[in-house]
């Protein structure tokens, strides 16, 4: 009986290890990110975004995300956004020759609010997505997803700060749970226009967990007429 139990445990561990090797769970991947914001007027801004994601550190392509949005600044702490995203995804860790990526066109709307508690700054982001997915395996599909992000940051001094967020993704079709992202980082304000962050992301899917190194750059551009 003991030998049977031991054999079952060894088999389970072997299966889990093999699955991790097949989908890259045991690799430390990377996300390189650029976020821009151009303020056109007191009420309107645009926000281009580029993200390049890999299964392994700096190699083995996973995803390219290009996204932009038009923002309506309701007041200093609340913003409404509508936007579009183009996403190319390699869903397999292995790199077979001639493999086709899945392509996604994404429409989204979101509402962002900010508040402070002492030196802590909190951001709440509510986002709804309509996803038009073209997969070489499952064909064309339209899906809907809701996301909620809570981000908290704390200044260390004039330039340095720490930041953390948790974001949950909920499908409006089966399966209901999509993913959860837990993130922590150290940031630096290079000047009034440019900020950078270096951090770690734990990306949890049902039955899968990925560890990701992140480096991001935020560039703010104010095109408002200062004389006005």
Protein backbone atom coordinates (compact mmCIF):
# COMPACT_ATOMS: atom_id res chain seq x y z
CA UNK A 1 0.00 0.00 0.00
CA UNK A 2 2.81 2.41 0.93
CA UNK A 3 4.60 1.62 -2.33
CA UNK A 4 1.40 2.33 -4.29
CA UNK A 5 0.87 5.70 -2.58
CA UNK A 6 4.52 6.63 -3.15
CA UNK A 7 4.23 5.67 -6.83
CA UNK A 8 1.09 7.81 -7.22
CA UNK A 9 2.79 10.81 -5.60
CA UNK A 10 5.84 10.45 -7.85
CA UNK A 11 3.55 10.23 -10.89
CA UNK A 12 1.64 13.37 -9.89
CA UNK A 13 4.85 15.34 -9.32
CA UNK A 14 6.21 14.15 -12.68
CA UNK A 15 3.00 15.20 -14.49
CA UNK A 16 3.00 18.64 -12.87
CA UNK A 17 6.70 19.15 -13.65
CA UNK A 18 6.14 18.12 -17.28
CA UNK A 19 3.20 20.52 -17.62
CA UNK A 20 5.28 23.34 -16.15
CA UNK A 21 8.03 22.62 -18.66
CA UNK A 22 5.52 22.54 -21.53
CA UNK A 23 3.90 25.91 -20.77
CA UNK A 24 6.88 27.70 -19.22
CA UNK A 25 5.61 27.99 -15.65
CA UNK A 26 9.09 27.27 -14.31
CA UNK A 27 10.63 30.12 -16.33
CA UNK A 28 11.05 33.74 -15.21
CA UNK A 29 9.60 35.76 -18.08
CA UNK A 30 9.66 39.48 -18.78
CA UNK A 31 7.33 42.34 -19.73
CA UNK A 32 8.72 45.50 -21.32
CA UNK A 33 6.15 48.32 -21.22
CA UNK A 34 5.68 51.88 -22.43
CA UNK A 35 2.75 54.06 -21.34
CA UNK A 36 2.20 57.51 -22.77
CA UNK A 37 -0.25 60.30 -22.07
CA UNK A 38 -0.68 63.44 -24.15
CA UNK A 39 -2.90 66.08 -22.55
CA UNK A 40 -4.69 67.92 -25.37
CA UNK A 41 -6.95 70.10 -23.23
CA UNK A 42 -8.18 70.37 -19.65
CA UNK A 43 -10.74 67.65 -20.39
CA UNK A 44 -9.20 65.45 -23.12
CA UNK A 45 -6.03 63.36 -23.39
CA UNK A 46 -4.86 60.33 -25.38
CA UNK A 47 -2.88 57.40 -23.97
CA UNK A 48 -0.84 55.15 -26.31
CA UNK A 49 0.60 51.95 -24.86
CA UNK A 50 3.04 49.23 -26.01
CA UNK A 51 3.84 45.99 -24.16
CA UNK A 52 6.22 43.24 -25.28
CA UNK A 53 5.97 40.03 -23.23
CA UNK A 54 8.17 36.92 -23.26
CA UNK A 55 7.96 33.47 -21.68
CA UNK A 56 11.65 33.53 -20.73
CA UNK A 57 13.75 36.47 -19.58
CA UNK A 58 14.13 38.58 -22.72
CA UNK A 59 13.40 35.73 -25.15
CA UNK A 60 10.71 33.31 -26.40
CA UNK A 61 7.91 35.63 -27.59
CA UNK A 62 4.59 35.41 -25.74
CA UNK A 63 2.60 38.55 -26.58
CA UNK A 64 2.66 41.97 -28.23
CA UNK A 65 0.02 44.42 -27.02
CA UNK A 66 -0.68 47.75 -28.73
CA UNK A 67 -3.39 49.83 -27.11
CA UNK A 68 -4.63 53.41 -27.16
CA UNK A 69 -7.42 55.29 -25.45
CA UNK A 70 -9.15 58.66 -25.42
CA UNK A 71 -9.61 60.00 -21.89
CA UNK A 72 -12.19 62.42 -20.57
CA UNK A 73 -10.98 64.04 -17.34
CA UNK A 74 -14.16 64.56 -15.36
CA UNK A 75 -12.23 66.24 -12.56
CA UNK A 76 -8.76 65.98 -10.97
CA UNK A 77 -9.41 62.52 -9.54
CA UNK A 78 -11.79 60.79 -11.98
CA UNK A 79 -11.35 59.85 -15.64
CA UNK A 80 -13.47 57.98 -18.20
CA UNK A 81 -11.80 56.23 -21.16
CA UNK A 82 -12.77 54.49 -24.38
CA UNK A 83 -10.13 52.71 -26.43
CA UNK A 84 -8.90 50.00 -28.76
CA UNK A 85 -6.24 47.30 -28.46
CA UNK A 86 -4.46 45.01 -30.92
CA UNK A 87 -2.92 41.89 -29.39
CA UNK A 88 -0.81 39.17 -31.02
CA UNK A 89 -0.34 36.11 -28.77
CA UNK A 90 1.77 32.98 -29.02
CA UNK A 91 -0.10 30.66 -26.67
CA UNK A 92 2.55 27.91 -26.59
CA UNK A 93 5.86 27.92 -24.76
CA UNK A 94 7.56 25.83 -27.45
CA UNK A 95 8.59 27.53 -30.68
CA UNK A 96 7.66 25.28 -33.63
CA UNK A 97 8.47 26.57 -37.12
CA UNK A 98 5.58 28.17 -38.99
CA UNK A 99 3.34 28.50 -35.93
CA UNK A 100 0.52 31.07 -36.24
CA UNK A 101 -0.26 33.49 -33.43
CA UNK A 102 -3.78 34.24 -32.29
CA UNK A 103 -4.87 37.82 -33.05
CA UNK A 104 -7.25 39.93 -31.02
CA UNK A 105 -9.00 43.23 -31.63
CA UNK A 106 -10.22 44.64 -28.34
CA UNK A 107 -12.64 47.46 -27.56
CA UNK A 108 -12.73 48.72 -24.00
CA UNK A 109 -14.25 51.31 -21.72
CA UNK A 110 -12.99 52.17 -18.26
CA UNK A 111 -13.50 54.44 -15.29
CA UNK A 112 -10.59 55.48 -13.05
CA UNK A 113 -10.75 57.21 -9.68
CA UNK A 114 -7.96 58.32 -7.34
CA UNK A 115 -7.81 59.16 -3.66
CA UNK A 116 -5.20 59.68 -0.96
CA UNK A 117 -4.82 58.58 2.65
CA UNK A 118 -1.93 60.41 4.25
CA UNK A 119 1.07 59.78 1.97
CA UNK A 120 -0.56 56.75 0.37
CA UNK A 121 -2.07 57.25 -3.10
CA UNK A 122 -4.71 54.78 -4.31
CA UNK A 123 -6.07 54.24 -7.82
CA UNK A 124 -9.21 52.25 -8.62
CA UNK A 125 -9.71 51.19 -12.25
CA UNK A 126 -12.86 49.51 -13.57
CA UNK A 127 -12.61 48.21 -17.14
CA UNK A 128 -15.02 46.41 -19.50
CA UNK A 129 -13.67 44.68 -22.63
CA UNK A 130 -15.21 43.29 -25.79
CA UNK A 131 -12.70 40.90 -27.36
CA UNK A 132 -12.74 39.75 -31.00
CA UNK A 133 -10.35 36.77 -31.07
CA UNK A 134 -9.05 34.98 -34.17
CA UNK A 135 -7.29 31.79 -33.06
CA UNK A 136 -5.67 29.24 -35.42
CA UNK A 137 -6.96 26.51 -33.08
CA UNK A 138 -10.49 27.58 -32.05
CA UNK A 139 -11.33 29.99 -34.89
CA UNK A 140 -13.18 33.28 -34.46
CA UNK A 141 -14.79 34.10 -31.13
CA UNK A 142 -16.23 37.13 -29.34
CA UNK A 143 -15.80 37.33 -25.57
CA UNK A 144 -16.58 39.83 -22.82
CA UNK A 145 -14.53 40.51 -19.72
CA UNK A 146 -14.62 42.79 -16.66
CA UNK A 147 -11.51 43.89 -14.76
CA UNK A 148 -10.89 45.66 -11.46
CA UNK A 149 -7.49 47.03 -10.41
CA UNK A 150 -6.46 48.52 -7.07
CA UNK A 151 -3.06 50.23 -7.08
CA UNK A 152 -1.35 51.80 -4.04
CA UNK A 153 1.84 53.85 -4.10
CA UNK A 154 3.95 55.42 -1.34
CA UNK A 155 6.70 58.05 -1.78
CA UNK A 156 10.12 57.31 -0.29
CA UNK A 157 11.47 60.77 -1.12
CA UNK A 158 11.07 63.38 -3.86
CA UNK A 159 12.02 60.96 -6.65
CA UNK A 160 11.75 57.37 -5.35
CA UNK A 161 8.52 55.54 -4.54
CA UNK A 162 7.14 52.03 -4.08
CA UNK A 163 4.02 50.72 -5.77
CA UNK A 164 1.80 47.63 -5.63
CA UNK A 165 -1.42 46.51 -7.26
CA UNK A 166 -3.81 43.61 -7.54
CA UNK A 167 -6.04 43.13 -10.59
CA UNK A 168 -8.73 40.51 -11.07
CA UNK A 169 -10.20 39.50 -14.46
CA UNK A 170 -13.74 38.08 -14.64
CA UNK A 171 -15.20 36.55 -17.82
CA UNK A 172 -18.85 37.14 -18.66
CA UNK A 173 -18.94 33.63 -20.12
CA UNK A 174 -17.52 30.31 -18.95
CA UNK A 175 -15.13 29.95 -17.24
CA UNK A 176 -15.95 32.90 -15.01
CA UNK A 177 -12.46 33.32 -13.52
CA UNK A 178 -9.92 34.51 -16.07
CA UNK A 179 -6.80 35.56 -14.16
CA UNK A 180 -5.38 37.55 -11.26
CA UNK A 181 -2.28 39.74 -11.30
CA UNK A 182 -0.34 40.67 -8.16
CA UNK A 183 2.43 43.22 -8.65
CA UNK A 184 5.02 45.13 -6.63
CA UNK A 185 7.66 47.59 -7.84
CA UNK A 186 10.12 50.36 -7.10
CA UNK A 187 9.72 53.54 -9.14
CA UNK A 188 11.75 56.64 -9.92
CA UNK A 189 10.62 60.04 -11.23
CA UNK A 190 13.33 60.95 -13.74
CA UNK A 191 11.76 64.36 -14.27
CA UNK A 192 8.29 65.92 -14.41
CA UNK A 193 7.50 64.07 -17.64
CA UNK A 194 9.18 60.65 -17.32
CA UNK A 195 8.78 57.95 -14.67
CA UNK A 196 10.13 54.41 -14.64
CA UNK A 197 9.28 51.34 -12.57
CA UNK A 198 11.01 47.99 -12.09
CA UNK A 199 8.97 45.24 -10.49
CA UNK A 200 7.75 41.67 -10.14
CA UNK A 201 4.40 40.26 -11.28
CA UNK A 202 2.72 37.01 -10.21
CA UNK A 203 0.20 36.16 -12.95
CA UNK A 204 -2.26 33.48 -11.80
CA UNK A 205 -4.53 31.52 -14.15
CA UNK A 206 -6.62 28.46 -13.26
CA UNK A 207 -4.01 25.76 -12.71
CA UNK A 208 -1.11 27.94 -13.92
CA UNK A 209 1.14 30.57 -12.35
CA UNK A 210 3.71 32.74 -14.11
CA UNK A 211 6.49 34.88 -12.62
CA UNK A 212 7.34 37.99 -14.62
CA UNK A 213 10.00 40.69 -14.38
CA UNK A 214 8.60 44.06 -15.44
CA UNK A 215 10.21 47.30 -16.50
CA UNK A 216 7.95 50.17 -17.50
CA UNK A 217 8.34 53.74 -18.69
CA UNK A 218 5.61 56.40 -18.34
CA UNK A 219 5.89 59.53 -20.50
CA UNK A 220 3.59 62.50 -19.87
CA UNK A 221 3.23 65.25 -22.47
CA UNK A 222 1.19 68.41 -21.89
CA UNK A 223 0.08 70.03 -25.16
CA UNK A 224 -2.31 72.52 -23.61
CA UNK A 225 -1.95 76.18 -24.45
CA UNK A 226 -0.21 77.50 -21.33
CA UNK A 227 -1.07 81.11 -22.24
CA UNK A 228 -4.75 80.21 -22.02
